[in-house]
Amino acid sequence: MKNWRTRLAALALAGLGLSALAAPAAQAAVIIIHGGHDEPPAPPEERVVVRRGYVWDRGHYGWRHRHYIWVRGHYVRERPGYEWAPGRWERHEDHYDWHGGEWHPHR
């Protein structure tokens, strides 16, 4: 009795694996961080030096321990055929949510 259950489970997992291969490639999940009730402060000026093969992911305020803290910008390796969309804070009901930066295919 145990043998047929094992085989059935293996067959079901194999089917799921094949269906995942047949599905179109999905973009990475966007992480949304629930922030504070007040709007984040205006970002300070950042000095950016152009680096070939990289894009600048500008600094932003992060939400840690119930208050905003500054997170410095950094370089991200370019991806051919894609453009970098920086992260952003968006108002949602009575608070702000952080939507992390992500790559978008060129149109």
PDB file of N, CA and C in Angstrom:
ATOM      1  N   MET A   1       0.821  -1.183   0.000  1.00  0.00           N
ATOM      2  CA  MET A   1       0.000   0.000   0.000  1.00  0.00           C
ATOM      3  C   MET A   1       0.874   1.260   0.000  1.00  0.00           C
ATOM      4  N   LYS A   2       1.953   1.255   0.770  1.00  0.00           N
ATOM      5  CA  LYS A   2       2.833   2.404   0.870  1.00  0.00           C
ATOM      6  C   LYS A   2       3.535   2.680  -0.461  1.00  0.00           C
ATOM      7  N   ASN A   3       3.874   1.648  -1.210  1.00  0.00           N
ATOM      8  CA  ASN A   3       4.612   1.774  -2.454  1.00  0.00           C
ATOM      9  C   ASN A   3       3.822   2.588  -3.491  1.00  0.00           C
ATOM     10  N   TRP A   4       2.536   2.345  -3.657  1.00  0.00           N
ATOM     11  CA  TRP A   4       1.766   3.079  -4.653  1.00  0.00           C
ATOM     12  C   TRP A   4       1.593   4.542  -4.248  1.00  0.00           C
ATOM     13  N   ARG A   5       1.534   4.822  -2.968  1.00  0.00           N
ATOM     14  CA  ARG A   5       1.432   6.225  -2.516  1.00  0.00           C
ATOM     15  C   ARG A   5       2.726   6.993  -2.826  1.00  0.00           C
ATOM     16  N   THR A   6       3.839   6.326  -2.632  1.00  0.00           N
ATOM     17  CA  THR A   6       5.123   6.956  -2.932  1.00  0.00           C
ATOM     18  C   THR A   6       5.223   7.262  -4.423  1.00  0.00           C
ATOM     19  N   ARG A   7       4.812   6.288  -5.257  1.00  0.00           N
ATOM     20  CA  ARG A   7       4.860   6.489  -6.699  1.00  0.00           C
ATOM     21  C   ARG A   7       3.905   7.597  -7.143  1.00  0.00           C
ATOM     22  N   LEU A   8       2.720   7.653  -6.553  1.00  0.00           N
ATOM     23  CA  LEU A   8       1.746   8.685  -6.890  1.00  0.00           C
ATOM     24  C   LEU A   8       2.285  10.071  -6.516  1.00  0.00           C
ATOM     25  N   ALA A   9       2.896  10.170  -5.349  1.00  0.00           N
ATOM     26  CA  ALA A   9       3.467  11.445  -4.913  1.00  0.00           C
ATOM     27  C   ALA A   9       4.601  11.875  -5.847  1.00  0.00           C
ATOM     28  N   ALA A  10       5.457  10.949  -6.250  1.00  0.00           N
ATOM     29  CA  ALA A  10       6.555  11.249  -7.157  1.00  0.00           C
ATOM     30  C   ALA A  10       6.029  11.701  -8.519  1.00  0.00           C
ATOM     31  N   LEU A  11       4.985  11.041  -9.004  1.00  0.00           N
ATOM     32  CA  LEU A  11       4.382  11.408 -10.284  1.00  0.00           C
ATOM     33  C   LEU A  11       3.778  12.809 -10.212  1.00  0.00           C
ATOM     34  N   ALA A  12       3.106  13.117  -9.119  1.00  0.00           N
ATOM     35  CA  ALA A  12       2.512  14.449  -8.951  1.00  0.00           C
ATOM     36  C   ALA A  12       3.598  15.524  -8.921  1.00  0.00           C
ATOM     37  N   LEU A  13       4.681  15.280  -8.201  1.00  0.00           N
ATOM     38  CA  LEU A  13       5.780  16.250  -8.149  1.00  0.00           C
ATOM     39  C   LEU A  13       6.437  16.423  -9.508  1.00  0.00           C
ATOM     40  N   ALA A  14       6.588  15.346 -10.252  1.00  0.00           N
ATOM     41  CA  ALA A  14       7.170  15.433 -11.589  1.00  0.00           C
ATOM     42  C   ALA A  14       6.271  16.275 -12.496  1.00  0.00           C
ATOM     43  N   GLY A  15       4.967  16.093 -12.382  1.00  0.00           N
ATOM     44  CA  GLY A  15       4.021  16.886 -13.172  1.00  0.00           C
ATOM     45  C   GLY A  15       4.114  18.363 -12.842  1.00  0.00           C
ATOM     46  N   LEU A  16       4.255  18.679 -11.578  1.00  0.00           N
ATOM     47  CA  LEU A  16       4.401  20.078 -11.179  1.00  0.00           C
ATOM     48  C   LEU A  16       5.693  20.664 -11.723  1.00  0.00           C
ATOM     49  N   GLY A  17       6.747  19.878 -11.689  1.00  0.00           N
ATOM     50  CA  GLY A  17       8.024  20.353 -12.217  1.00  0.00           C
ATOM     51  C   GLY A  17       7.955  20.643 -13.703  1.00  0.00           C
ATOM     52  N   LEU A  18       7.306  19.764 -14.469  1.00  0.00           N
ATOM     53  CA  LEU A  18       7.170  19.979 -15.912  1.00  0.00           C
ATOM     54  C   LEU A  18       6.296  21.176 -16.214  1.00  0.00           C
ATOM     55  N   SER A  19       5.240  21.388 -15.439  1.00  0.00           N
ATOM     56  CA  SER A  19       4.379  22.540 -15.691  1.00  0.00           C
ATOM     57  C   SER A  19       5.114  23.840 -15.397  1.00  0.00           C
ATOM     58  N   ALA A  20       6.008  23.817 -14.429  1.00  0.00           N
ATOM     59  CA  ALA A  20       6.796  25.019 -14.123  1.00  0.00           C
ATOM     60  C   ALA A  20       7.748  25.338 -15.270  1.00  0.00           C
ATOM     61  N   LEU A  21       8.291  24.305 -15.925  1.00  0.00           N
ATOM     62  CA  LEU A  21       9.194  24.523 -17.052  1.00  0.00           C
ATOM     63  C   LEU A  21       8.452  25.072 -18.262  1.00  0.00           C
ATOM     64  N   ALA A  22       7.197  24.660 -18.439  1.00  0.00           N
ATOM     65  CA  ALA A  22       6.412  25.092 -19.586  1.00  0.00           C
ATOM     66  C   ALA A  22       5.877  26.507 -19.407  1.00  0.00           C
ATOM     67  N   ALA A  23       5.740  26.965 -18.190  1.00  0.00           N
ATOM     68  CA  ALA A  23       5.208  28.307 -17.933  1.00  0.00           C
ATOM     69  C   ALA A  23       6.235  29.353 -18.345  1.00  0.00           C
ATOM     70  N   PRO A  24       5.749  30.533 -18.813  1.00  0.00           N
ATOM     71  CA  PRO A  24       6.692  31.585 -19.159  1.00  0.00           C
ATOM     72  C   PRO A  24       7.435  32.061 -17.924  1.00  0.00           C
ATOM     73  N   ALA A  25       8.651  32.537 -18.145  1.00  0.00           N
ATOM     74  CA  ALA A  25       9.466  32.996 -17.020  1.00  0.00           C
ATOM     75  C   ALA A  25       8.818  34.195 -16.358  1.00  0.00           C
ATOM     76  N   ALA A  26       8.606  34.114 -15.079  1.00  0.00           N
ATOM     77  CA  ALA A  26       8.005  35.210 -14.333  1.00  0.00           C
ATOM     78  C   ALA A  26       9.099  36.120 -13.803  1.00  0.00           C
ATOM     79  N   GLN A  27       8.762  37.396 -13.640  1.00  0.00           N
ATOM     80  CA  GLN A  27       9.721  38.312 -13.042  1.00  0.00           C
ATOM     81  C   GLN A  27       9.816  38.027 -11.564  1.00  0.00           C
ATOM     82  N   ALA A  28      10.907  38.442 -10.962  1.00  0.00           N
ATOM     83  CA  ALA A  28      11.114  38.233  -9.534  1.00  0.00           C
ATOM     84  C   ALA A  28      10.031  38.959  -8.744  1.00  0.00           C
ATOM     85  N   ALA A  29       9.665  38.382  -7.619  1.00  0.00           N
ATOM     86  CA  ALA A  29       8.655  38.998  -6.778  1.00  0.00           C
ATOM     87  C   ALA A  29       9.172  40.320  -6.231  1.00  0.00           C
ATOM     88  N   VAL A  30       8.303  41.313  -6.209  1.00  0.00           N
ATOM     89  CA  VAL A  30       8.659  42.612  -5.664  1.00  0.00           C
ATOM     90  C   VAL A  30       8.360  42.601  -4.177  1.00  0.00           C
ATOM     91  N   ILE A  31       9.330  42.987  -3.400  1.00  0.00           N
ATOM     92  CA  ILE A  31       9.152  43.014  -1.959  1.00  0.00           C
ATOM     93  C   ILE A  31       8.587  44.368  -1.563  1.00  0.00           C
ATOM     94  N   ILE A  32       7.495  44.349  -0.827  1.00  0.00           N
ATOM     95  CA  ILE A  32       6.867  45.570  -0.364  1.00  0.00           C
ATOM     96  C   ILE A  32       7.017  45.626   1.150  1.00  0.00           C
ATOM     97  N   ILE A  33       7.559  46.741   1.638  1.00  0.00           N
ATOM     98  CA  ILE A  33       7.755  46.917   3.071  1.00  0.00           C
ATOM     99  C   ILE A  33       6.750  47.934   3.573  1.00  0.00           C
ATOM    100  N   HIS A  34       6.005  47.560   4.571  1.00  0.00           N
ATOM    101  CA  HIS A  34       5.013  48.427   5.195  1.00  0.00           C
ATOM    102  C   HIS A  34       5.745  49.460   6.038  1.00  0.00           C
ATOM    103  N   GLY A  35       5.608  50.734   5.698  1.00  0.00           N
ATOM    104  CA  GLY A  35       6.342  51.789   6.381  1.00  0.00           C
ATOM    105  C   GLY A  35       5.485  52.568   7.356  1.00  0.00           C
ATOM    106  N   GLY A  36       5.892  53.797   7.592  1.00  0.00           N
ATOM    107  CA  GLY A  36       5.247  54.641   8.581  1.00  0.00           C
ATOM    108  C   GLY A  36       4.018  55.359   8.051  1.00  0.00           C
ATOM    109  N   HIS A  37       3.377  56.091   8.943  1.00  0.00           N
ATOM    110  CA  HIS A  37       2.194  56.862   8.591  1.00  0.00           C
ATOM    111  C   HIS A  37       2.569  58.205   7.972  1.00  0.00           C
ATOM    112  N   ASP A  38       3.761  58.712   8.307  1.00  0.00           N
ATOM    113  CA  ASP A  38       4.236  59.974   7.759  1.00  0.00           C
ATOM    114  C   ASP A  38       5.044  59.734   6.495  1.00  0.00           C
ATOM    115  N   GLU A  39       5.009  60.718   5.607  1.00  0.00           N
ATOM    116  CA  GLU A  39       5.796  60.631   4.374  1.00  0.00           C
ATOM    117  C   GLU A  39       7.284  60.616   4.708  1.00  0.00           C
ATOM    118  N   PRO A  40       8.087  59.826   3.976  1.00  0.00           N
ATOM    119  CA  PRO A  40       9.532  59.840   4.236  1.00  0.00           C
ATOM    120  C   PRO A  40      10.112  61.219   3.919  1.00  0.00           C
ATOM    121  N   PRO A  41      11.221  61.593   4.589  1.00  0.00           N
ATOM    122  CA  PRO A  41      11.861  62.892   4.311  1.00  0.00           C
ATOM    123  C   PRO A  41      12.380  62.965   2.883  1.00  0.00           C
ATOM    124  N   ALA A  42      12.622  64.185   2.427  1.00  0.00           N
ATOM    125  CA  ALA A  42      13.209  64.379   1.091  1.00  0.00           C
ATOM    126  C   ALA A  42      14.629  63.828   1.098  1.00  0.00           C
ATOM    127  N   PRO A  43      15.025  63.115   0.046  1.00  0.00           N
ATOM    128  CA  PRO A  43      16.383  62.545   0.021  1.00  0.00           C
ATOM    129  C   PRO A  43      17.439  63.628  -0.136  1.00  0.00           C
ATOM    130  N   PRO A  44      18.603  63.462   0.498  1.00  0.00           N
ATOM    131  CA  PRO A  44      19.697  64.421   0.317  1.00  0.00           C
ATOM    132  C   PRO A  44      20.344  64.236  -1.056  1.00  0.00           C
ATOM    133  N   GLU A  45      21.139  65.212  -1.454  1.00  0.00           N
ATOM    134  CA  GLU A  45      21.882  65.122  -2.713  1.00  0.00           C
ATOM    135  C   GLU A  45      22.919  64.004  -2.614  1.00  0.00           C
ATOM    136  N   GLU A  46      23.066  63.256  -3.699  1.00  0.00           N
ATOM    137  CA  GLU A  46      24.102  62.228  -3.769  1.00  0.00           C
ATOM    138  C   GLU A  46      25.011  62.538  -4.950  1.00  0.00           C
ATOM    139  N   ARG A  47      26.294  62.396  -4.742  1.00  0.00           N
ATOM    140  CA  ARG A  47      27.253  62.580  -5.830  1.00  0.00           C
ATOM    141  C   ARG A  47      27.419  61.240  -6.547  1.00  0.00           C
ATOM    142  N   VAL A  48      27.111  61.249  -7.837  1.00  0.00           N
ATOM    143  CA  VAL A  48      27.152  60.007  -8.616  1.00  0.00           C
ATOM    144  C   VAL A  48      28.228  60.118  -9.683  1.00  0.00           C
ATOM    145  N   VAL A  49      29.107  59.141  -9.735  1.00  0.00           N
ATOM    146  CA  VAL A  49      30.134  59.050 -10.771  1.00  0.00           C
ATOM    147  C   VAL A  49      29.694  57.957 -11.739  1.00  0.00           C
ATOM    148  N   VAL A  50      29.622  58.291 -13.019  1.00  0.00           N
ATOM    149  CA  VAL A  50      29.199  57.316 -14.027  1.00  0.00           C
ATOM    150  C   VAL A  50      30.238  56.207 -14.116  1.00  0.00           C
ATOM    151  N   ARG A  51      29.754  54.963 -14.049  1.00  0.00           N
ATOM    152  CA  ARG A  51      30.638  53.791 -14.196  1.00  0.00           C
ATOM    153  C   ARG A  51      30.108  52.946 -15.341  1.00  0.00           C
ATOM    154  N   ARG A  52      30.969  52.701 -16.324  1.00  0.00           N
ATOM    155  CA  ARG A  52      30.553  51.893 -17.472  1.00  0.00           C
ATOM    156  C   ARG A  52      30.188  50.483 -17.010  1.00  0.00           C
ATOM    157  N   GLY A  53      29.048  49.987 -17.495  1.00  0.00           N
ATOM    158  CA  GLY A  53      28.604  48.643 -17.157  1.00  0.00           C
ATOM    159  C   GLY A  53      27.738  48.581 -15.894  1.00  0.00           C
ATOM    160  N   TYR A  54      27.468  49.754 -15.291  1.00  0.00           N
ATOM    161  CA  TYR A  54      26.663  49.802 -14.063  1.00  0.00           C
ATOM    162  C   TYR A  54      25.627  50.909 -14.155  1.00  0.00           C
ATOM    163  N   VAL A  55      24.559  50.761 -13.400  1.00  0.00           N
ATOM    164  CA  VAL A  55      23.580  51.831 -13.223  1.00  0.00           C
ATOM    165  C   VAL A  55      23.584  52.199 -11.740  1.00  0.00           C
ATOM    166  N   TRP A  56      23.202  53.418 -11.447  1.00  0.00           N
ATOM    167  CA  TRP A  56      23.169  53.896 -10.066  1.00  0.00           C
ATOM    168  C   TRP A  56      21.773  53.659  -9.488  1.00  0.00           C
ATOM    169  N   ASP A  57      21.713  52.931  -8.392  1.00  0.00           N
ATOM    170  CA  ASP A  57      20.467  52.763  -7.649  1.00  0.00           C
ATOM    171  C   ASP A  57      20.510  53.805  -6.540  1.00  0.00           C
ATOM    172  N   ARG A  58      19.754  54.865  -6.733  1.00  0.00           N
ATOM    173  CA  ARG A  58      19.851  56.008  -5.819  1.00  0.00           C
ATOM    174  C   ARG A  58      19.477  55.635  -4.389  1.00  0.00           C
ATOM    175  N   GLY A  59      19.992  56.414  -3.468  1.00  0.00           N
ATOM    176  CA  GLY A  59      19.690  56.192  -2.068  1.00  0.00           C
ATOM    177  C   GLY A  59      18.226  56.487  -1.756  1.00  0.00           C
ATOM    178  N   HIS A  60      17.783  55.980  -0.635  1.00  0.00           N
ATOM    179  CA  HIS A  60      16.386  56.175  -0.235  1.00  0.00           C
ATOM    180  C   HIS A  60      16.281  56.027   1.286  1.00  0.00           C
ATOM    181  N   TYR A  61      15.171  56.416   1.810  1.00  0.00           N
ATOM    182  CA  TYR A  61      14.928  56.189   3.232  1.00  0.00           C
ATOM    183  C   TYR A  61      14.295  54.816   3.408  1.00  0.00           C
ATOM    184  N   GLY A  62      14.871  54.034   4.311  1.00  0.00           N
ATOM    185  CA  GLY A  62      14.315  52.735   4.657  1.00  0.00           C
ATOM    186  C   GLY A  62      13.519  52.861   5.957  1.00  0.00           C
ATOM    187  N   TRP A  63      12.707  51.903   6.248  1.00  0.00           N
ATOM    188  CA  TRP A  63      11.889  51.888   7.452  1.00  0.00           C
ATOM    189  C   TRP A  63      12.431  50.825   8.395  1.00  0.00           C
ATOM    190  N   ARG A  64      13.031  51.248   9.505  1.00  0.00           N
ATOM    191  CA  ARG A  64      13.613  50.318  10.471  1.00  0.00           C
ATOM    192  C   ARG A  64      13.241  50.755  11.880  1.00  0.00           C
ATOM    193  N   HIS A  65      12.813  49.836  12.666  1.00  0.00           N
ATOM    194  CA  HIS A  65      12.516  50.093  14.078  1.00  0.00           C
ATOM    195  C   HIS A  65      11.605  51.310  14.266  1.00  0.00           C
ATOM    196  N   ARG A  66      10.602  51.388  13.431  1.00  0.00           N
ATOM    197  CA  ARG A  66       9.552  52.404  13.535  1.00  0.00           C
ATOM    198  C   ARG A  66       9.992  53.825  13.209  1.00  0.00           C
ATOM    199  N   HIS A  67      11.071  53.961  12.428  1.00  0.00           N
ATOM    200  CA  HIS A  67      11.440  55.279  11.928  1.00  0.00           C
ATOM    201  C   HIS A  67      12.247  55.148  10.636  1.00  0.00           C
ATOM    202  N   TYR A  68      12.327  56.250   9.887  1.00  0.00           N
ATOM    203  CA  TYR A  68      13.050  56.254   8.623  1.00  0.00           C
ATOM    204  C   TYR A  68      14.549  56.431   8.868  1.00  0.00           C
ATOM    205  N   ILE A  69      15.336  55.653   8.127  1.00  0.00           N
ATOM    206  CA  ILE A  69      16.792  55.791   8.169  1.00  0.00           C
ATOM    207  C   ILE A  69      17.288  55.894   6.726  1.00  0.00           C
ATOM    208  N   TRP A  70      18.381  56.617   6.524  1.00  0.00           N
ATOM    209  CA  TRP A  70      18.923  56.791   5.179  1.00  0.00           C
ATOM    210  C   TRP A  70      19.711  55.557   4.754  1.00  0.00           C
ATOM    211  N   VAL A  71      19.417  55.073   3.557  1.00  0.00           N
ATOM    212  CA  VAL A  71      20.137  53.953   2.941  1.00  0.00           C
ATOM    213  C   VAL A  71      20.855  54.528   1.722  1.00  0.00           C
ATOM    214  N   ARG A  72      22.191  54.492   1.755  1.00  0.00           N
ATOM    215  CA  ARG A  72      22.976  55.075   0.661  1.00  0.00           C
ATOM    216  C   ARG A  72      22.736  54.360  -0.657  1.00  0.00           C
ATOM    217  N   GLY A  73      22.895  55.110  -1.749  1.00  0.00           N
ATOM    218  CA  GLY A  73      22.777  54.527  -3.077  1.00  0.00           C
ATOM    219  C   GLY A  73      23.962  53.625  -3.375  1.00  0.00           C
ATOM    220  N   HIS A  74      23.834  52.818  -4.416  1.00  0.00           N
ATOM    221  CA  HIS A  74      24.906  51.901  -4.793  1.00  0.00           C
ATOM    222  C   HIS A  74      24.794  51.566  -6.277  1.00  0.00           C
ATOM    223  N   TYR A  75      25.856  51.001  -6.816  1.00  0.00           N
ATOM    224  CA  TYR A  75      25.877  50.608  -8.217  1.00  0.00           C
ATOM    225  C   TYR A  75      25.288  49.206  -8.383  1.00  0.00           C
ATOM    226  N   VAL A  76      24.575  49.046  -9.493  1.00  0.00           N
ATOM    227  CA  VAL A  76      23.994  47.746  -9.845  1.00  0.00           C
ATOM    228  C   VAL A  76      24.500  47.404 -11.240  1.00  0.00           C
ATOM    229  N   ARG A  77      24.970  46.182 -11.421  1.00  0.00           N
ATOM    230  CA  ARG A  77      25.500  45.731 -12.720  1.00  0.00           C
ATOM    231  C   ARG A  77      24.388  45.805 -13.762  1.00  0.00           C
ATOM    232  N   GLU A  78      24.691  46.410 -14.925  1.00  0.00           N
ATOM    233  CA  GLU A  78      23.713  46.507 -16.011  1.00  0.00           C
ATOM    234  C   GLU A  78      23.287  45.127 -16.491  1.00  0.00           C
ATOM    235  N   ARG A  79      22.069  45.060 -16.999  1.00  0.00           N
ATOM    236  CA  ARG A  79      21.559  43.842 -17.627  1.00  0.00           C
ATOM    237  C   ARG A  79      21.185  44.193 -19.054  1.00  0.00           C
ATOM    238  N   PRO A  80      21.857  43.594 -20.044  1.00  0.00           N
ATOM    239  CA  PRO A  80      21.526  43.905 -21.436  1.00  0.00           C
ATOM    240  C   PRO A  80      20.048  43.634 -21.729  1.00  0.00           C
ATOM    241  N   GLY A  81      19.404  44.585 -22.393  1.00  0.00           N
ATOM    242  CA  GLY A  81      17.995  44.432 -22.757  1.00  0.00           C
ATOM    243  C   GLY A  81      17.026  44.860 -21.663  1.00  0.00           C
ATOM    244  N   TYR A  82      17.544  45.376 -20.546  1.00  0.00           N
ATOM    245  CA  TYR A  82      16.689  45.785 -19.434  1.00  0.00           C
ATOM    246  C   TYR A  82      17.061  47.183 -18.975  1.00  0.00           C
ATOM    247  N   GLU A  83      16.109  47.848 -18.332  1.00  0.00           N
ATOM    248  CA  GLU A  83      16.382  49.134 -17.703  1.00  0.00           C
ATOM    249  C   GLU A  83      15.996  49.050 -16.230  1.00  0.00           C
ATOM    250  N   TRP A  84      16.724  49.780 -15.406  1.00  0.00           N
ATOM    251  CA  TRP A  84      16.523  49.756 -13.956  1.00  0.00           C
ATOM    252  C   TRP A  84      15.430  50.742 -13.571  1.00  0.00           C
ATOM    253  N   ALA A  85      14.427  50.265 -12.850  1.00  0.00           N
ATOM    254  CA  ALA A  85      13.374  51.112 -12.287  1.00  0.00           C
ATOM    255  C   ALA A  85      13.649  51.219 -10.792  1.00  0.00           C
ATOM    256  N   PRO A  86      14.028  52.401 -10.302  1.00  0.00           N
ATOM    257  CA  PRO A  86      14.392  52.528  -8.892  1.00  0.00           C
ATOM    258  C   PRO A  86      13.202  52.304  -7.972  1.00  0.00           C
ATOM    259  N   GLY A  87      13.517  51.983  -6.718  1.00  0.00           N
ATOM    260  CA  GLY A  87      12.472  51.785  -5.729  1.00  0.00           C
ATOM    261  C   GLY A  87      11.757  53.091  -5.424  1.00  0.00           C
ATOM    262  N   ARG A  88      10.603  52.985  -4.782  1.00  0.00           N
ATOM    263  CA  ARG A  88       9.805  54.169  -4.505  1.00  0.00           C
ATOM    264  C   ARG A  88       8.887  53.940  -3.309  1.00  0.00           C
ATOM    265  N   TRP A  89       8.563  54.996  -2.627  1.00  0.00           N
ATOM    266  CA  TRP A  89       7.568  54.977  -1.560  1.00  0.00           C
ATOM    267  C   TRP A  89       6.229  55.370  -2.155  1.00  0.00           C
ATOM    268  N   GLU A  90       5.178  54.629  -1.827  1.00  0.00           N
ATOM    269  CA  GLU A  90       3.831  54.956  -2.294  1.00  0.00           C
ATOM    270  C   GLU A  90       2.869  54.973  -1.117  1.00  0.00           C
ATOM    271  N   ARG A  91       1.988  55.954  -1.138  1.00  0.00           N
ATOM    272  CA  ARG A  91       0.961  56.046  -0.097  1.00  0.00           C
ATOM    273  C   ARG A  91      -0.040  54.921  -0.316  1.00  0.00           C
ATOM    274  N   HIS A  92      -0.418  54.242   0.766  1.00  0.00           N
ATOM    275  CA  HIS A  92      -1.405  53.157   0.704  1.00  0.00           C
ATOM    276  C   HIS A  92      -2.274  53.264   1.952  1.00  0.00           C
ATOM    277  N   GLU A  93      -3.526  53.669   1.755  1.00  0.00           N
ATOM    278  CA  GLU A  93      -4.461  53.890   2.862  1.00  0.00           C
ATOM    279  C   GLU A  93      -3.856  54.856   3.878  1.00  0.00           C
ATOM    280  N   ASP A  94      -3.516  54.420   5.080  1.00  0.00           N
ATOM    281  CA  ASP A  94      -3.033  55.334   6.122  1.00  0.00           C
ATOM    282  C   ASP A  94      -1.528  55.243   6.362  1.00  0.00           C
ATOM    283  N   HIS A  95      -0.784  54.641   5.429  1.00  0.00           N
ATOM    284  CA  HIS A  95       0.657  54.481   5.616  1.00  0.00           C
ATOM    285  C   HIS A  95       1.364  54.510   4.254  1.00  0.00           C
ATOM    286  N   TYR A  96       2.694  54.403   4.296  1.00  0.00           N
ATOM    287  CA  TYR A  96       3.498  54.352   3.073  1.00  0.00           C
ATOM    288  C   TYR A  96       4.108  52.971   2.927  1.00  0.00           C
ATOM    289  N   ASP A  97       4.176  52.498   1.671  1.00  0.00           N
ATOM    290  CA  ASP A  97       4.790  51.208   1.360  1.00  0.00           C
ATOM    291  C   ASP A  97       5.997  51.449   0.469  1.00  0.00           C
ATOM    292  N   TRP A  98       7.088  50.704   0.748  1.00  0.00           N
ATOM    293  CA  TRP A  98       8.282  50.758  -0.090  1.00  0.00           C
ATOM    294  C   TRP A  98       8.222  49.639  -1.112  1.00  0.00           C
ATOM    295  N   HIS A  99       8.365  50.006  -2.382  1.00  0.00           N
ATOM    296  CA  HIS A  99       8.426  49.045  -3.485  1.00  0.00           C
ATOM    297  C   HIS A  99       9.864  49.054  -3.983  1.00  0.00           C
ATOM    298  N   GLY A 100      10.563  47.947  -3.805  1.00  0.00           N
ATOM    299  CA  GLY A 100      11.974  47.858  -4.179  1.00  0.00           C
ATOM    300  C   GLY A 100      12.202  48.024  -5.666  1.00  0.00           C
ATOM    301  N   GLY A 101      13.420  48.447  -6.042  1.00  0.00           N
ATOM    302  CA  GLY A 101      13.770  48.598  -7.439  1.00  0.00           C
ATOM    303  C   GLY A 101      13.757  47.265  -8.175  1.00  0.00           C
ATOM    304  N   GLU A 102      13.587  47.355  -9.503  1.00  0.00           N
ATOM    305  CA  GLU A 102      13.509  46.124 -10.303  1.00  0.00           C
ATOM    306  C   GLU A 102      13.904  46.405 -11.742  1.00  0.00           C
ATOM    307  N   TRP A 103      14.229  45.365 -12.451  1.00  0.00           N
ATOM    308  CA  TRP A 103      14.583  45.448 -13.855  1.00  0.00           C
ATOM    309  C   TRP A 103      13.328  45.281 -14.717  1.00  0.00           C
ATOM    310  N   HIS A 104      13.219  46.114 -15.785  1.00  0.00           N
ATOM    311  CA  HIS A 104      12.122  46.013 -16.745  1.00  0.00           C
ATOM    312  C   HIS A 104      12.718  45.817 -18.135  1.00  0.00           C
ATOM    313  N   PRO A 105      12.136  44.936 -18.948  1.00  0.00           N
ATOM    314  CA  PRO A 105      12.655  44.765 -20.308  1.00  0.00           C
ATOM    315  C   PRO A 105      12.473  46.053 -21.123  1.00  0.00           C
ATOM    316  N   HIS A 106      13.431  46.348 -22.014  1.00  0.00           N
ATOM    317  CA  HIS A 106      13.289  47.516 -22.908  1.00  0.00           C
ATOM    318  C   HIS A 106      12.091  47.285 -23.795  1.00  0.00           C
ATOM    319  N   ARG A 107      11.445  48.353 -24.143  1.00  0.00           N
ATOM    320  CA  ARG A 107      10.269  48.247 -25.038  1.00  0.00           C
ATOM    321  C   ARG A 107      10.616  48.665 -26.417  1.00  0.00           C
TER     322      ARG A 107
END
